[in-house]
Amino acid sequence: FMLFQKEQVEKVKEIMSEHFHVVFFPAAYDDFWNGELISRRADKGTAIQKAAELLHIGIEDTIAFGDSMNDYEIVQAAGTGIAMGNSVQKLKDAADYVTDDIARDGAWKACRHFGWI
């Protein structure tokens, strides 16, 4: 979502924080704030766990790539969590491996690093 008044940032956090993680990103412009609402009950981390369960594979055999805070839980939950080089530092800190930026073939480079291709 985008907000055009700085005062709205705290209002969104106040109203939505009970049910959502509220994450804001630096914007290219000073006149709006960019953010995401991430469910506290279901996220990409619970999704990969459920997918692994349904496919009868161990979570240790899963891989997740992420570049945004909406990927935080899946990067933590996956057997191998990979943060893109253009990710925020908190996601990089949670990852097992940090690769190059998306725009510089980071996913391909990570796959090469691990010998998957």
PDB file of N, CA and C in Angstrom:
ATOM      1  N   PHE A   1       0.829  -1.176   0.000  1.00  0.00           N
ATOM      2  CA  PHE A   1       0.000   0.000   0.000  1.00  0.00           C
ATOM      3  C   PHE A   1       0.871   1.234   0.000  1.00  0.00           C
ATOM      4  N   MET A   2       0.277   2.359  -0.318  1.00  0.00           N
ATOM      5  CA  MET A   2       1.003   3.627  -0.328  1.00  0.00           C
ATOM      6  C   MET A   2       0.225   4.641   0.499  1.00  0.00           C
ATOM      7  N   LEU A   3       0.951   5.430   1.257  1.00  0.00           N
ATOM      8  CA  LEU A   3       0.356   6.507   2.043  1.00  0.00           C
ATOM      9  C   LEU A   3       0.962   7.822   1.591  1.00  0.00           C
ATOM     10  N   PHE A   4       0.156   8.847   1.586  1.00  0.00           N
ATOM     11  CA  PHE A   4       0.626  10.139   1.106  1.00  0.00           C
ATOM     12  C   PHE A   4       0.792  11.167   2.215  1.00  0.00           C
ATOM     13  N   GLN A   5       0.462  10.787   3.448  1.00  0.00           N
ATOM     14  CA  GLN A   5       0.668  11.675   4.587  1.00  0.00           C
ATOM     15  C   GLN A   5       1.426  10.908   5.657  1.00  0.00           C
ATOM     16  N   LYS A   6       2.531  11.458   6.109  1.00  0.00           N
ATOM     17  CA  LYS A   6       3.385  10.766   7.075  1.00  0.00           C
ATOM     18  C   LYS A   6       2.618  10.380   8.343  1.00  0.00           C
ATOM     19  N   GLU A   7       1.660  11.197   8.737  1.00  0.00           N
ATOM     20  CA  GLU A   7       0.870  10.911   9.943  1.00  0.00           C
ATOM     21  C   GLU A   7       0.094   9.604   9.818  1.00  0.00           C
ATOM     22  N   GLN A   8      -0.199   9.191   8.596  1.00  0.00           N
ATOM     23  CA  GLN A   8      -0.957   7.963   8.381  1.00  0.00           C
ATOM     24  C   GLN A   8      -0.137   6.717   8.708  1.00  0.00           C
ATOM     25  N   VAL A   9       1.171   6.812   8.670  1.00  0.00           N
ATOM     26  CA  VAL A   9       2.038   5.665   8.933  1.00  0.00           C
ATOM     27  C   VAL A   9       1.757   5.098  10.315  1.00  0.00           C
ATOM     28  N   GLU A  10       1.808   5.912  11.340  1.00  0.00           N
ATOM     29  CA  GLU A  10       1.551   5.439  12.708  1.00  0.00           C
ATOM     30  C   GLU A  10       0.110   4.997  12.882  1.00  0.00           C
ATOM     31  N   LYS A  11      -0.819   5.635  12.210  1.00  0.00           N
ATOM     32  CA  LYS A  11      -2.226   5.264  12.295  1.00  0.00           C
ATOM     33  C   LYS A  11      -2.433   3.853  11.738  1.00  0.00           C
ATOM     34  N   VAL A  12      -1.806   3.549  10.608  1.00  0.00           N
ATOM     35  CA  VAL A  12      -1.910   2.203  10.025  1.00  0.00           C
ATOM     36  C   VAL A  12      -1.327   1.180  10.987  1.00  0.00           C
ATOM     37  N   LYS A  13      -0.166   1.458  11.548  1.00  0.00           N
ATOM     38  CA  LYS A  13       0.445   0.528  12.507  1.00  0.00           C
ATOM     39  C   LYS A  13      -0.484   0.291  13.684  1.00  0.00           C
ATOM     40  N   GLU A  14      -1.048   1.358  14.223  1.00  0.00           N
ATOM     41  CA  GLU A  14      -1.935   1.266  15.390  1.00  0.00           C
ATOM     42  C   GLU A  14      -3.160   0.405  15.086  1.00  0.00           C
ATOM     43  N   ILE A  15      -3.769   0.623  13.957  1.00  0.00           N
ATOM     44  CA  ILE A  15      -5.005  -0.072  13.607  1.00  0.00           C
ATOM     45  C   ILE A  15      -4.751  -1.515  13.165  1.00  0.00           C
ATOM     46  N   MET A  16      -3.700  -1.756  12.422  1.00  0.00           N
ATOM     47  CA  MET A  16      -3.505  -3.044  11.762  1.00  0.00           C
ATOM     48  C   MET A  16      -2.574  -4.014  12.484  1.00  0.00           C
ATOM     49  N   SER A  17      -1.795  -3.556  13.443  1.00  0.00           N
ATOM     50  CA  SER A  17      -0.755  -4.395  14.043  1.00  0.00           C
ATOM     51  C   SER A  17      -1.262  -5.617  14.786  1.00  0.00           C
ATOM     52  N   GLU A  18      -2.487  -5.599  15.232  1.00  0.00           N
ATOM     53  CA  GLU A  18      -3.006  -6.771  15.934  1.00  0.00           C
ATOM     54  C   GLU A  18      -3.087  -7.986  15.004  1.00  0.00           C
ATOM     55  N   HIS A  19      -3.437  -7.760  13.756  1.00  0.00           N
ATOM     56  CA  HIS A  19      -3.642  -8.855  12.822  1.00  0.00           C
ATOM     57  C   HIS A  19      -2.564  -8.971  11.740  1.00  0.00           C
ATOM     58  N   PHE A  20      -1.755  -7.916  11.589  1.00  0.00           N
ATOM     59  CA  PHE A  20      -0.766  -7.897  10.520  1.00  0.00           C
ATOM     60  C   PHE A  20       0.569  -7.367  11.006  1.00  0.00           C
ATOM     61  N   HIS A  21       1.644  -7.869  10.422  1.00  0.00           N
ATOM     62  CA  HIS A  21       2.945  -7.218  10.533  1.00  0.00           C
ATOM     63  C   HIS A  21       2.866  -6.062   9.548  1.00  0.00           C
ATOM     64  N   VAL A  22       3.171  -4.876  10.000  1.00  0.00           N
ATOM     65  CA  VAL A  22       3.127  -3.704   9.129  1.00  0.00           C
ATOM     66  C   VAL A  22       4.557  -3.313   8.816  1.00  0.00           C
ATOM     67  N   VAL A  23       4.919  -3.387   7.538  1.00  0.00           N
ATOM     68  CA  VAL A  23       6.286  -3.141   7.108  1.00  0.00           C
ATOM     69  C   VAL A  23       6.288  -1.973   6.128  1.00  0.00           C
ATOM     70  N   PHE A  24       7.162  -1.006   6.372  1.00  0.00           N
ATOM     71  CA  PHE A  24       7.297   0.129   5.461  1.00  0.00           C
ATOM     72  C   PHE A  24       8.660   0.078   4.798  1.00  0.00           C
ATOM     73  N   PHE A  25       8.707   0.540   3.570  1.00  0.00           N
ATOM     74  CA  PHE A  25       9.930   0.542   2.778  1.00  0.00           C
ATOM     75  C   PHE A  25      10.312   1.968   2.416  1.00  0.00           C
ATOM     76  N   PRO A  26      11.597   2.212   2.272  1.00  0.00           N
ATOM     77  CA  PRO A  26      12.009   3.532   1.795  1.00  0.00           C
ATOM     78  C   PRO A  26      11.448   3.750   0.393  1.00  0.00           C
ATOM     79  N   ALA A  27      10.946   4.924   0.148  1.00  0.00           N
ATOM     80  CA  ALA A  27      10.393   5.246  -1.166  1.00  0.00           C
ATOM     81  C   ALA A  27      11.389   6.075  -1.956  1.00  0.00           C
ATOM     82  N   ALA A  28      11.219   6.042  -3.237  1.00  0.00           N
ATOM     83  CA  ALA A  28      12.094   6.825  -4.113  1.00  0.00           C
ATOM     84  C   ALA A  28      11.766   8.312  -4.029  1.00  0.00           C
ATOM     85  N   TYR A  29      10.621   8.603  -3.472  1.00  0.00           N
ATOM     86  CA  TYR A  29      10.175   9.989  -3.377  1.00  0.00           C
ATOM     87  C   TYR A  29       9.859  10.314  -1.923  1.00  0.00           C
ATOM     88  N   ASP A  30       9.926  11.573  -1.570  1.00  0.00           N
ATOM     89  CA  ASP A  30       9.666  11.976  -0.189  1.00  0.00           C
ATOM     90  C   ASP A  30       8.193  12.235   0.094  1.00  0.00           C
ATOM     91  N   ASP A  31       7.341  12.124  -0.905  1.00  0.00           N
ATOM     92  CA  ASP A  31       5.941  12.481  -0.698  1.00  0.00           C
ATOM     93  C   ASP A  31       5.002  11.283  -0.565  1.00  0.00           C
ATOM     94  N   PHE A  32       5.543  10.066  -0.417  1.00  0.00           N
ATOM     95  CA  PHE A  32       4.688   8.926  -0.100  1.00  0.00           C
ATOM     96  C   PHE A  32       5.489   7.856   0.628  1.00  0.00           C
ATOM     97  N   TRP A  33       4.781   6.958   1.308  1.00  0.00           N
ATOM     98  CA  TRP A  33       5.372   5.859   2.051  1.00  0.00           C
ATOM     99  C   TRP A  33       4.782   4.559   1.513  1.00  0.00           C
ATOM    100  N   ASN A  34       5.642   3.605   1.230  1.00  0.00           N
ATOM    101  CA  ASN A  34       5.271   2.336   0.644  1.00  0.00           C
ATOM    102  C   ASN A  34       5.325   1.262   1.729  1.00  0.00           C
ATOM    103  N   GLY A  35       4.333   0.387   1.775  1.00  0.00           N
ATOM    104  CA  GLY A  35       4.352  -0.638   2.808  1.00  0.00           C
ATOM    105  C   GLY A  35       3.599  -1.890   2.427  1.00  0.00           C
ATOM    106  N   GLU A  36       3.691  -2.885   3.299  1.00  0.00           N
ATOM    107  CA  GLU A  36       3.001  -4.154   3.124  1.00  0.00           C
ATOM    108  C   GLU A  36       2.330  -4.559   4.421  1.00  0.00           C
ATOM    109  N   LEU A  37       1.206  -5.235   4.300  1.00  0.00           N
ATOM    110  CA  LEU A  37       0.544  -5.870   5.434  1.00  0.00           C
ATOM    111  C   LEU A  37       0.764  -7.373   5.281  1.00  0.00           C
ATOM    112  N   ILE A  38       1.347  -7.994   6.301  1.00  0.00           N
ATOM    113  CA  ILE A  38       1.643  -9.420   6.245  1.00  0.00           C
ATOM    114  C   ILE A  38       0.863 -10.096   7.376  1.00  0.00           C
ATOM    115  N   SER A  39       0.038 -11.036   7.021  1.00  0.00           N
ATOM    116  CA  SER A  39      -0.824 -11.700   7.993  1.00  0.00           C
ATOM    117  C   SER A  39      -0.012 -12.306   9.131  1.00  0.00           C
ATOM    118  N   ARG A  40      -0.520 -12.175  10.344  1.00  0.00           N
ATOM    119  CA  ARG A  40       0.123 -12.814  11.498  1.00  0.00           C
ATOM    120  C   ARG A  40      -0.289 -14.288  11.610  1.00  0.00           C
ATOM    121  N   ARG A  41      -1.386 -14.682  10.959  1.00  0.00           N
ATOM    122  CA  ARG A  41      -1.878 -16.055  11.066  1.00  0.00           C
ATOM    123  C   ARG A  41      -1.368 -16.967   9.956  1.00  0.00           C
ATOM    124  N   ALA A  42      -1.163 -16.431   8.787  1.00  0.00           N
ATOM    125  CA  ALA A  42      -0.690 -17.243   7.662  1.00  0.00           C
ATOM    126  C   ALA A  42       0.303 -16.409   6.861  1.00  0.00           C
ATOM    127  N   ASP A  43       1.385 -17.019   6.496  1.00  0.00           N
ATOM    128  CA  ASP A  43       2.410 -16.310   5.740  1.00  0.00           C
ATOM    129  C   ASP A  43       3.100 -17.320   4.835  1.00  0.00           C
ATOM    130  N   LYS A  44       4.090 -16.876   4.108  1.00  0.00           N
ATOM    131  CA  LYS A  44       4.789 -17.761   3.190  1.00  0.00           C
ATOM    132  C   LYS A  44       5.534 -18.873   3.930  1.00  0.00           C
ATOM    133  N   GLY A  45       5.909 -18.628   5.162  1.00  0.00           N
ATOM    134  CA  GLY A  45       6.579 -19.658   5.961  1.00  0.00           C
ATOM    135  C   GLY A  45       5.648 -20.807   6.290  1.00  0.00           C
ATOM    136  N   THR A  46       4.433 -20.493   6.719  1.00  0.00           N
ATOM    137  CA  THR A  46       3.468 -21.564   6.985  1.00  0.00           C
ATOM    138  C   THR A  46       3.060 -22.246   5.683  1.00  0.00           C
ATOM    139  N   ALA A  47       3.043 -21.489   4.589  1.00  0.00           N
ATOM    140  CA  ALA A  47       2.688 -22.074   3.290  1.00  0.00           C
ATOM    141  C   ALA A  47       3.722 -23.108   2.841  1.00  0.00           C
ATOM    142  N   ILE A  48       5.009 -22.808   2.982  1.00  0.00           N
ATOM    143  CA  ILE A  48       6.015 -23.786   2.545  1.00  0.00           C
ATOM    144  C   ILE A  48       6.001 -25.018   3.450  1.00  0.00           C
ATOM    145  N   GLN A  49       5.721 -24.819   4.724  1.00  0.00           N
ATOM    146  CA  GLN A  49       5.620 -25.964   5.627  1.00  0.00           C
ATOM    147  C   GLN A  49       4.447 -26.860   5.231  1.00  0.00           C
ATOM    148  N   LYS A  50       3.316 -26.241   4.910  1.00  0.00           N
ATOM    149  CA  LYS A  50       2.131 -27.008   4.497  1.00  0.00           C
ATOM    150  C   LYS A  50       2.385 -27.704   3.156  1.00  0.00           C
ATOM    151  N   ALA A  51       3.034 -27.005   2.219  1.00  0.00           N
ATOM    152  CA  ALA A  51       3.343 -27.614   0.914  1.00  0.00           C
ATOM    153  C   ALA A  51       4.259 -28.820   1.094  1.00  0.00           C
ATOM    154  N   ALA A  52       5.273 -28.684   1.918  1.00  0.00           N
ATOM    155  CA  ALA A  52       6.185 -29.806   2.164  1.00  0.00           C
ATOM    156  C   ALA A  52       5.427 -30.990   2.769  1.00  0.00           C
ATOM    157  N   GLU A  53       4.542 -30.687   3.701  1.00  0.00           N
ATOM    158  CA  GLU A  53       3.738 -31.741   4.329  1.00  0.00           C
ATOM    159  C   GLU A  53       2.862 -32.451   3.290  1.00  0.00           C
ATOM    160  N   LEU A  54       2.177 -31.684   2.445  1.00  0.00           N
ATOM    161  CA  LEU A  54       1.297 -32.267   1.432  1.00  0.00           C
ATOM    162  C   LEU A  54       2.068 -33.071   0.389  1.00  0.00           C
ATOM    163  N   LEU A  55       3.296 -32.658   0.109  1.00  0.00           N
ATOM    164  CA  LEU A  55       4.129 -33.348  -0.870  1.00  0.00           C
ATOM    165  C   LEU A  55       4.972 -34.463  -0.249  1.00  0.00           C
ATOM    166  N   HIS A  56       4.842 -34.622   1.066  1.00  0.00           N
ATOM    167  CA  HIS A  56       5.578 -35.655   1.802  1.00  0.00           C
ATOM    168  C   HIS A  56       7.089 -35.511   1.651  1.00  0.00           C
ATOM    169  N   ILE A  57       7.561 -34.281   1.776  1.00  0.00           N
ATOM    170  CA  ILE A  57       8.999 -34.037   1.762  1.00  0.00           C
ATOM    171  C   ILE A  57       9.371 -33.297   3.051  1.00  0.00           C
ATOM    172  N   GLY A  58      10.582 -33.466   3.460  1.00  0.00           N
ATOM    173  CA  GLY A  58      11.038 -32.780   4.659  1.00  0.00           C
ATOM    174  C   GLY A  58      11.294 -31.305   4.379  1.00  0.00           C
ATOM    175  N   ILE A  59      11.037 -30.481   5.354  1.00  0.00           N
ATOM    176  CA  ILE A  59      11.278 -29.045   5.197  1.00  0.00           C
ATOM    177  C   ILE A  59      12.749 -28.779   4.886  1.00  0.00           C
ATOM    178  N   GLU A  60      13.624 -29.660   5.325  1.00  0.00           N
ATOM    179  CA  GLU A  60      15.057 -29.503   5.044  1.00  0.00           C
ATOM    180  C   GLU A  60      15.366 -29.624   3.552  1.00  0.00           C
ATOM    181  N   ASP A  61      14.437 -30.168   2.780  1.00  0.00           N
ATOM    182  CA  ASP A  61      14.620 -30.316   1.334  1.00  0.00           C
ATOM    183  C   ASP A  61      13.952 -29.192   0.533  1.00  0.00           C
ATOM    184  N   THR A  62      13.608 -28.109   1.200  1.00  0.00           N
ATOM    185  CA  THR A  62      12.977 -26.982   0.516  1.00  0.00           C
ATOM    186  C   THR A  62      13.954 -25.817   0.390  1.00  0.00           C
ATOM    187  N   ILE A  63      13.688 -24.976  -0.591  1.00  0.00           N
ATOM    188  CA  ILE A  63      14.516 -23.804  -0.873  1.00  0.00           C
ATOM    189  C   ILE A  63      13.594 -22.617  -1.056  1.00  0.00           C
ATOM    190  N   ALA A  64      13.972 -21.475  -0.502  1.00  0.00           N
ATOM    191  CA  ALA A  64      13.187 -20.256  -0.694  1.00  0.00           C
ATOM    192  C   ALA A  64      14.110 -19.095  -1.014  1.00  0.00           C
ATOM    193  N   PHE A  65      13.702 -18.305  -1.989  1.00  0.00           N
ATOM    194  CA  PHE A  65      14.391 -17.074  -2.341  1.00  0.00           C
ATOM    195  C   PHE A  65      13.519 -15.915  -1.886  1.00  0.00           C
ATOM    196  N   GLY A  66      14.142 -14.859  -1.391  1.00  0.00           N
ATOM    197  CA  GLY A  66      13.366 -13.702  -0.993  1.00  0.00           C
ATOM    198  C   GLY A  66      14.115 -12.406  -1.192  1.00  0.00           C
ATOM    199  N   ASP A  67      13.345 -11.334  -1.371  1.00  0.00           N
ATOM    200  CA  ASP A  67      13.957 -10.019  -1.527  1.00  0.00           C
ATOM    201  C   ASP A  67      13.208  -8.938  -0.766  1.00  0.00           C
ATOM    202  N   SER A  68      12.161  -9.323  -0.038  1.00  0.00           N
ATOM    203  CA  SER A  68      11.336  -8.353   0.662  1.00  0.00           C
ATOM    204  C   SER A  68      10.925  -8.924   2.015  1.00  0.00           C
ATOM    205  N   MET A  69      10.487  -8.077   2.907  1.00  0.00           N
ATOM    206  CA  MET A  69      10.098  -8.566   4.226  1.00  0.00           C
ATOM    207  C   MET A  69       8.886  -9.483   4.174  1.00  0.00           C
ATOM    208  N   ASN A  70       8.117  -9.474   3.086  1.00  0.00           N
ATOM    209  CA  ASN A  70       7.033 -10.452   3.009  1.00  0.00           C
ATOM    210  C   ASN A  70       7.566 -11.856   2.732  1.00  0.00           C
ATOM    211  N   ASP A  71       8.880 -11.964   2.538  1.00  0.00           N
ATOM    212  CA  ASP A  71       9.552 -13.252   2.357  1.00  0.00           C
ATOM    213  C   ASP A  71      10.283 -13.721   3.617  1.00  0.00           C
ATOM    214  N   TYR A  72      10.250 -12.947   4.659  1.00  0.00           N
ATOM    215  CA  TYR A  72      11.024 -13.226   5.874  1.00  0.00           C
ATOM    216  C   TYR A  72      10.719 -14.618   6.432  1.00  0.00           C
ATOM    217  N   GLU A  73       9.449 -14.923   6.615  1.00  0.00           N
ATOM    218  CA  GLU A  73       9.073 -16.192   7.241  1.00  0.00           C
ATOM    219  C   GLU A  73       9.445 -17.390   6.376  1.00  0.00           C
ATOM    220  N   ILE A  74       9.310 -17.268   5.058  1.00  0.00           N
ATOM    221  CA  ILE A  74       9.653 -18.405   4.191  1.00  0.00           C
ATOM    222  C   ILE A  74      11.159 -18.614   4.136  1.00  0.00           C
ATOM    223  N   VAL A  75      11.916 -17.536   4.164  1.00  0.00           N
ATOM    224  CA  VAL A  75      13.382 -17.668   4.169  1.00  0.00           C
ATOM    225  C   VAL A  75      13.838 -18.338   5.460  1.00  0.00           C
ATOM    226  N   GLN A  76      13.172 -18.033   6.567  1.00  0.00           N
ATOM    227  CA  GLN A  76      13.505 -18.675   7.841  1.00  0.00           C
ATOM    228  C   GLN A  76      13.057 -20.134   7.877  1.00  0.00           C
ATOM    229  N   ALA A  77      11.888 -20.420   7.327  1.00  0.00           N
ATOM    230  CA  ALA A  77      11.298 -21.758   7.447  1.00  0.00           C
ATOM    231  C   ALA A  77      11.915 -22.774   6.496  1.00  0.00           C
ATOM    232  N   ALA A  78      12.347 -22.345   5.341  1.00  0.00           N
ATOM    233  CA  ALA A  78      12.862 -23.276   4.321  1.00  0.00           C
ATOM    234  C   ALA A  78      14.136 -23.960   4.793  1.00  0.00           C
ATOM    235  N   GLY A  79      14.374 -25.099   4.230  1.00  0.00           N
ATOM    236  CA  GLY A  79      15.620 -25.801   4.523  1.00  0.00           C
ATOM    237  C   GLY A  79      16.828 -24.956   4.154  1.00  0.00           C
ATOM    238  N   THR A  80      16.738 -24.265   3.024  1.00  0.00           N
ATOM    239  CA  THR A  80      17.763 -23.313   2.605  1.00  0.00           C
ATOM    240  C   THR A  80      17.054 -22.008   2.250  1.00  0.00           C
ATOM    241  N   GLY A  81      17.314 -20.982   3.020  1.00  0.00           N
ATOM    242  CA  GLY A  81      16.722 -19.669   2.771  1.00  0.00           C
ATOM    243  C   GLY A  81      17.756 -18.746   2.150  1.00  0.00           C
ATOM    244  N   ILE A  82      17.414 -18.182   1.009  1.00  0.00           N
ATOM    245  CA  ILE A  82      18.351 -17.345   0.258  1.00  0.00           C
ATOM    246  C   ILE A  82      17.785 -15.946   0.110  1.00  0.00           C
ATOM    247  N   ALA A  83      18.559 -14.963   0.518  1.00  0.00           N
ATOM    248  CA  ALA A  83      18.169 -13.561   0.353  1.00  0.00           C
ATOM    249  C   ALA A  83      18.881 -12.985  -0.856  1.00  0.00           C
ATOM    250  N   MET A  84      18.159 -12.216  -1.606  1.00  0.00           N
ATOM    251  CA  MET A  84      18.746 -11.536  -2.751  1.00  0.00           C
ATOM    252  C   MET A  84      19.605 -10.384  -2.241  1.00  0.00           C
ATOM    253  N   GLY A  85      20.622 -10.019  -3.001  1.00  0.00           N
ATOM    254  CA  GLY A  85      21.536  -8.956  -2.594  1.00  0.00           C
ATOM    255  C   GLY A  85      20.878  -7.613  -2.398  1.00  0.00           C
ATOM    256  N   ASN A  86      19.756  -7.381  -3.068  1.00  0.00           N
ATOM    257  CA  ASN A  86      19.039  -6.114  -2.928  1.00  0.00           C
ATOM    258  C   ASN A  86      18.029  -6.142  -1.785  1.00  0.00           C
ATOM    259  N   SER A  87      18.048  -7.190  -0.974  1.00  0.00           N
ATOM    260  CA  SER A  87      17.121  -7.311   0.160  1.00  0.00           C
ATOM    261  C   SER A  87      17.470  -6.348   1.281  1.00  0.00           C
ATOM    262  N   VAL A  88      16.512  -6.158   2.172  1.00  0.00           N
ATOM    263  CA  VAL A  88      16.775  -5.390   3.380  1.00  0.00           C
ATOM    264  C   VAL A  88      17.673  -6.214   4.296  1.00  0.00           C
ATOM    265  N   GLN A  89      18.404  -5.562   5.167  1.00  0.00           N
ATOM    266  CA  GLN A  89      19.384  -6.240   6.007  1.00  0.00           C
ATOM    267  C   GLN A  89      18.758  -7.292   6.918  1.00  0.00           C
ATOM    268  N   LYS A  90      17.574  -7.039   7.439  1.00  0.00           N
ATOM    269  CA  LYS A  90      16.925  -7.997   8.335  1.00  0.00           C
ATOM    270  C   LYS A  90      16.678  -9.329   7.623  1.00  0.00           C
ATOM    271  N   LEU A  91      16.310  -9.286   6.355  1.00  0.00           N
ATOM    272  CA  LEU A  91      16.109 -10.517   5.597  1.00  0.00           C
ATOM    273  C   LEU A  91      17.441 -11.207   5.329  1.00  0.00           C
ATOM    274  N   LYS A  92      18.451 -10.427   5.005  1.00  0.00           N
ATOM    275  CA  LYS A  92      19.785 -11.007   4.791  1.00  0.00           C
ATOM    276  C   LYS A  92      20.272 -11.704   6.056  1.00  0.00           C
ATOM    277  N   ASP A  93      20.028 -11.104   7.208  1.00  0.00           N
ATOM    278  CA  ASP A  93      20.458 -11.690   8.476  1.00  0.00           C
ATOM    279  C   ASP A  93      19.746 -13.004   8.768  1.00  0.00           C
ATOM    280  N   ALA A  94      18.512 -13.154   8.285  1.00  0.00           N
ATOM    281  CA  ALA A  94      17.728 -14.368   8.532  1.00  0.00           C
ATOM    282  C   ALA A  94      18.085 -15.496   7.562  1.00  0.00           C
ATOM    283  N   ALA A  95      18.704 -15.151   6.452  1.00  0.00           N
ATOM    284  CA  ALA A  95      18.967 -16.122   5.385  1.00  0.00           C
ATOM    285  C   ALA A  95      20.172 -17.009   5.689  1.00  0.00           C
ATOM    286  N   ASP A  96      20.158 -18.174   5.088  1.00  0.00           N
ATOM    287  CA  ASP A  96      21.319 -19.069   5.148  1.00  0.00           C
ATOM    288  C   ASP A  96      22.402 -18.605   4.188  1.00  0.00           C
ATOM    289  N   TYR A  97      21.990 -17.922   3.133  1.00  0.00           N
ATOM    290  CA  TYR A  97      22.924 -17.485   2.102  1.00  0.00           C
ATOM    291  C   TYR A  97      22.396 -16.203   1.483  1.00  0.00           C
ATOM    292  N   VAL A  98      23.294 -15.278   1.191  1.00  0.00           N
ATOM    293  CA  VAL A  98      22.937 -14.042   0.492  1.00  0.00           C
ATOM    294  C   VAL A  98      23.614 -14.077  -0.870  1.00  0.00           C
ATOM    295  N   THR A  99      22.816 -13.913  -1.906  1.00  0.00           N
ATOM    296  CA  THR A  99      23.319 -13.939  -3.271  1.00  0.00           C
ATOM    297  C   THR A  99      23.364 -12.517  -3.831  1.00  0.00           C
ATOM    298  N   ASP A 100      23.591 -12.390  -5.095  1.00  0.00           N
ATOM    299  CA  ASP A 100      23.647 -11.089  -5.755  1.00  0.00           C
ATOM    300  C   ASP A 100      22.233 -10.525  -5.935  1.00  0.00           C
ATOM    301  N   ASP A 101      22.146  -9.304  -6.403  1.00  0.00           N
ATOM    302  CA  ASP A 101      20.860  -8.652  -6.662  1.00  0.00           C
ATOM    303  C   ASP A 101      20.067  -9.416  -7.720  1.00  0.00           C
ATOM    304  N   ILE A 102      18.767  -9.240  -7.695  1.00  0.00           N
ATOM    305  CA  ILE A 102      17.901  -9.826  -8.713  1.00  0.00           C
ATOM    306  C   ILE A 102      18.355  -9.389 -10.105  1.00  0.00           C
ATOM    307  N   ALA A 103      18.606  -8.104 -10.252  1.00  0.00           N
ATOM    308  CA  ALA A 103      18.958  -7.540 -11.556  1.00  0.00           C
ATOM    309  C   ALA A 103      20.314  -8.032 -12.070  1.00  0.00           C
ATOM    310  N   ARG A 104      21.094  -8.650 -11.194  1.00  0.00           N
ATOM    311  CA  ARG A 104      22.401  -9.184 -11.601  1.00  0.00           C
ATOM    312  C   ARG A 104      22.415 -10.713 -11.503  1.00  0.00           C
ATOM    313  N   ASP A 105      21.278 -11.317 -11.826  1.00  0.00           N
ATOM    314  CA  ASP A 105      21.155 -12.781 -11.905  1.00  0.00           C
ATOM    315  C   ASP A 105      21.415 -13.478 -10.575  1.00  0.00           C
ATOM    316  N   GLY A 106      20.936 -12.879  -9.498  1.00  0.00           N
ATOM    317  CA  GLY A 106      21.168 -13.450  -8.175  1.00  0.00           C
ATOM    318  C   GLY A 106      20.644 -14.861  -7.993  1.00  0.00           C
ATOM    319  N   ALA A 107      19.445 -15.147  -8.507  1.00  0.00           N
ATOM    320  CA  ALA A 107      18.885 -16.495  -8.347  1.00  0.00           C
ATOM    321  C   ALA A 107      19.759 -17.516  -9.078  1.00  0.00           C
ATOM    322  N   TRP A 108      20.157 -17.199 -10.287  1.00  0.00           N
ATOM    323  CA  TRP A 108      21.024 -18.094 -11.060  1.00  0.00           C
ATOM    324  C   TRP A 108      22.352 -18.302 -10.329  1.00  0.00           C
ATOM    325  N   LYS A 109      22.936 -17.227  -9.828  1.00  0.00           N
ATOM    326  CA  LYS A 109      24.222 -17.329  -9.132  1.00  0.00           C
ATOM    327  C   LYS A 109      24.113 -18.190  -7.877  1.00  0.00           C
ATOM    328  N   ALA A 110      22.994 -18.079  -7.153  1.00  0.00           N
ATOM    329  CA  ALA A 110      22.801 -18.916  -5.961  1.00  0.00           C
ATOM    330  C   ALA A 110      22.681 -20.379  -6.356  1.00  0.00           C
ATOM    331  N   CYS A 111      21.934 -20.650  -7.412  1.00  0.00           N
ATOM    332  CA  CYS A 111      21.793 -22.038  -7.878  1.00  0.00           C
ATOM    333  C   CYS A 111      23.138 -22.608  -8.302  1.00  0.00           C
ATOM    334  N   ARG A 112      23.959 -21.811  -8.946  1.00  0.00           N
ATOM    335  CA  ARG A 112      25.313 -22.243  -9.312  1.00  0.00           C
ATOM    336  C   ARG A 112      26.157 -22.480  -8.064  1.00  0.00           C
ATOM    337  N   HIS A 113      26.057 -21.566  -7.095  1.00  0.00           N
ATOM    338  CA  HIS A 113      26.821 -21.682  -5.849  1.00  0.00           C
ATOM    339  C   HIS A 113      26.547 -23.018  -5.152  1.00  0.00           C
ATOM    340  N   PHE A 114      25.279 -23.411  -5.115  1.00  0.00           N
ATOM    341  CA  PHE A 114      24.905 -24.646  -4.427  1.00  0.00           C
ATOM    342  C   PHE A 114      25.020 -25.887  -5.312  1.00  0.00           C
ATOM    343  N   GLY A 115      25.391 -25.706  -6.587  1.00  0.00           N
ATOM    344  CA  GLY A 115      25.559 -26.844  -7.491  1.00  0.00           C
ATOM    345  C   GLY A 115      24.246 -27.412  -7.995  1.00  0.00           C
ATOM    346  N   TRP A 116      23.181 -26.634  -7.965  1.00  0.00           N
ATOM    347  CA  TRP A 116      21.878 -27.107  -8.438  1.00  0.00           C
ATOM    348  C   TRP A 116      21.764 -27.011  -9.948  1.00  0.00           C
ATOM    349  N   ILE A 117      22.601 -26.181 -10.550  1.00  0.00           N
ATOM    350  CA  ILE A 117      22.617 -26.094 -12.019  1.00  0.00           C
ATOM    351  C   ILE A 117      24.070 -26.066 -12.468  1.00  0.00           C
TER     352      ILE A 117
END
